[in-house]
C-alpha atoms as a PDB file:
ATOM      1  CA  MET A   1      33.467 -17.551 -76.138  1.00  0.00           C
ATOM      2  CA  MET A   2      36.219 -15.065 -75.342  1.00  0.00           C
ATOM      3  CA  GLU A   3      38.006 -13.041 -78.039  1.00  0.00           C
ATOM      4  CA  LEU A   4      41.332 -11.172 -77.711  1.00  0.00           C
ATOM      5  CA  LYS A   5      43.495  -9.105 -80.037  1.00  0.00           C
ATOM      6  CA  VAL A   6      47.157  -9.513 -79.134  1.00  0.00           C
ATOM      7  CA  ILE A   7      50.098  -7.477 -80.472  1.00  0.00           C
ATOM      8  CA  LEU A   8      53.329  -9.477 -80.570  1.00  0.00           C
ATOM      9  CA  ASP A   9      56.815  -8.073 -81.148  1.00  0.00           C
ATOM     10  CA  PHE A  10      59.761 -10.379 -81.857  1.00  0.00           C
ATOM     11  CA  ALA A  11      63.022 -10.639 -83.816  1.00  0.00           C
ATOM     12  CA  CYS A  12      63.083 -12.702 -87.019  1.00  0.00           C
ATOM     13  CA  CYS A  13      65.053 -15.963 -86.718  1.00  0.00           C
ATOM     14  CA  GLY A  14      66.775 -15.323 -90.037  1.00  0.00           C
ATOM     15  CA  CYS A  15      67.708 -11.652 -90.254  1.00  0.00           C
ATOM     16  CA  GLN A  16      67.102 -10.541 -86.626  1.00  0.00           C
ATOM     17  CA  GLU A  17      64.999  -7.591 -87.837  1.00  0.00           C
ATOM     18  CA  PRO A  18      62.113  -6.584 -85.570  1.00  0.00           C
ATOM     19  CA  VAL A  19      58.674  -7.918 -86.548  1.00  0.00           C
ATOM     20  CA  SER A  20      55.310  -6.867 -85.120  1.00  0.00           C
ATOM     21  CA  VAL A  21      52.087  -8.755 -85.731  1.00  0.00           C
ATOM     22  CA  THR A  22      48.533  -8.465 -84.413  1.00  0.00           C
ATOM     23  CA  VAL A  23      46.614 -11.707 -83.967  1.00  0.00           C
ATOM     24  CA  LYS A  24      43.041 -12.433 -82.916  1.00  0.00           C
ATOM     25  CA  CYS A  25      42.590 -15.289 -80.446  1.00  0.00           C
ATOM     26  CA  GLU A  26      39.248 -16.963 -79.756  1.00  0.00           C
ATOM     27  CA  GLY A  27      38.377 -19.763 -77.388  1.00  0.00           C
ATOM     28  CA  LYS A  28      36.752 -20.893 -74.198  1.00  0.00           C
ATOM     29  CA  ASN A  29      39.899 -21.207 -72.077  1.00  0.00           C
ATOM     30  CA  LEU A  30      41.729 -17.982 -72.914  1.00  0.00           C
ATOM     31  CA  ASN A  31      41.174 -16.626 -69.430  1.00  0.00           C
ATOM     32  CA  GLU A  32      43.085 -19.500 -67.789  1.00  0.00           C
ATOM     33  CA  ALA A  33      46.473 -17.787 -67.391  1.00  0.00           C
ATOM     34  CA  GLY A  34      49.537 -19.920 -68.051  1.00  0.00           C
ATOM     35  CA  ARG A  35      47.632 -22.842 -69.505  1.00  0.00           C
ATOM     36  CA  ALA A  36      47.014 -21.859 -73.122  1.00  0.00           C
ATOM     37  CA  VAL A  37      49.859 -21.660 -75.625  1.00  0.00           C
ATOM     38  CA  VAL A  38      49.187 -20.701 -79.223  1.00  0.00           C
ATOM     39  CA  ALA A  39      51.385 -21.222 -82.295  1.00  0.00           C
ATOM     40  CA  VAL A  40      51.202 -19.169 -85.480  1.00  0.00           C
ATOM     41  CA  ASN A  41      53.396 -18.936 -88.581  1.00  0.00           C
ATOM     42  CA  VAL A  42      54.482 -15.379 -89.400  1.00  0.00           C
ATOM     43  CA  PRO A  43      56.507 -14.451 -92.507  1.00  0.00           C
ATOM     44  CA  CYS A  44      59.239 -11.852 -92.020  1.00  0.00           C
ATOM     45  CA  PRO A  45      58.538  -8.747 -94.131  1.00  0.00           C
ATOM     46  CA  THR A  46      62.301  -8.188 -94.563  1.00  0.00           C
ATOM     47  CA  CYS A  47      63.749 -11.590 -95.541  1.00  0.00           C
ATOM     48  CA  GLY A  48      60.626 -13.740 -96.110  1.00  0.00           C
ATOM     49  CA  LEU A  49      61.572 -16.475 -93.618  1.00  0.00           C
ATOM     50  CA  ILE A  50      58.542 -18.107 -91.990  1.00  0.00           C
ATOM     51  CA  ASN A  51      58.856 -17.829 -88.198  1.00  0.00           C
ATOM     52  CA  GLN A  52      56.855 -20.170 -85.962  1.00  0.00           C
ATOM     53  CA  LEU A  53      55.799 -18.064 -83.008  1.00  0.00           C
ATOM     54  CA  CYS A  54      54.560 -19.690 -79.772  1.00  0.00           C
ATOM     55  CA  PHE A  55      52.864 -17.299 -77.361  1.00  0.00           C
ATOM     56  CA  GLU A  56      50.388 -17.011 -74.518  1.00  0.00           C
ATOM     57  CA  PRO A  57      47.093 -15.139 -75.025  1.00  0.00           C
ATOM     58  CA  ASN A  58      48.345 -12.447 -72.610  1.00  0.00           C
ATOM     59  CA  GLY A  59      51.024 -11.487 -75.180  1.00  0.00           C
ATOM     60  CA  THR A  60      54.027 -13.305 -73.690  1.00  0.00           C
ATOM     61  CA  VAL A  61      56.194 -14.727 -76.483  1.00  0.00           C
ATOM     62  CA  ARG A  62      57.500 -18.156 -75.455  1.00  0.00           C
ATOM     63  CA  SER A  63      59.573 -19.054 -78.508  1.00  0.00           C
ATOM     64  CA  VAL A  64      60.380 -18.053 -82.068  1.00  0.00           C
ATOM     65  CA  THR A  65      61.807 -20.723 -84.354  1.00  0.00           C
ATOM     66  CA  PRO A  66      62.159 -21.142 -88.117  1.00  0.00           C
ATOM     67  CA  ARG A  67      59.209 -23.053 -89.535  1.00  0.00           C
ATOM     68  CA  HIS A  68      60.269 -26.303 -91.121  1.00  0.00           C
ATOM     69  CA  GLY A  69      57.891 -27.353 -93.857  1.00  0.00           C
ATOM     70  CA  ALA A  70      56.957 -30.878 -94.722  1.00  0.00           C
ATOM     71  CA  ARG A  71      59.882 -32.954 -95.884  1.00  0.00           C
ATOM     72  CA  PRO A  72      59.733 -33.965 -99.532  1.00  0.00           C
ATOM     73  CA  LEU A  73      58.986 -37.603-100.237  1.00  0.00           C
ATOM     74  CA  PRO A  74      62.020 -39.609-101.373  1.00  0.00           C
ATOM     75  CA  GLU A  75      62.098 -40.489-105.050  1.00  0.00           C
ATOM     76  CA  PRO A  76      62.664 -44.090-106.135  1.00  0.00           C
ATOM     77  CA  SER A  77      66.072 -44.999-107.489  1.00  0.00           C
ATOM     78  CA  LEU A  78      66.444 -45.451-111.261  1.00  0.00           C
ATOM     79  CA  ASN A  79      68.836 -48.396-110.786  1.00  0.00           C
END
């Protein structure tokens, strides 16, 4: 199994401040360039927004979007 440490730099979706994170990737297919895409949730150290970061194991950031948590269940009406 292959193991990589990748340093990713991106701008926070909320405050646009620069964020840098180091992640460790493991897997059998990491050496297949262009085929693997990984997603990780990274909190911004400045504003606290959770950014969902999609990237390739070679360090290419594909997208950064705000993480949307699970929607709350609707409550029954009291009528």
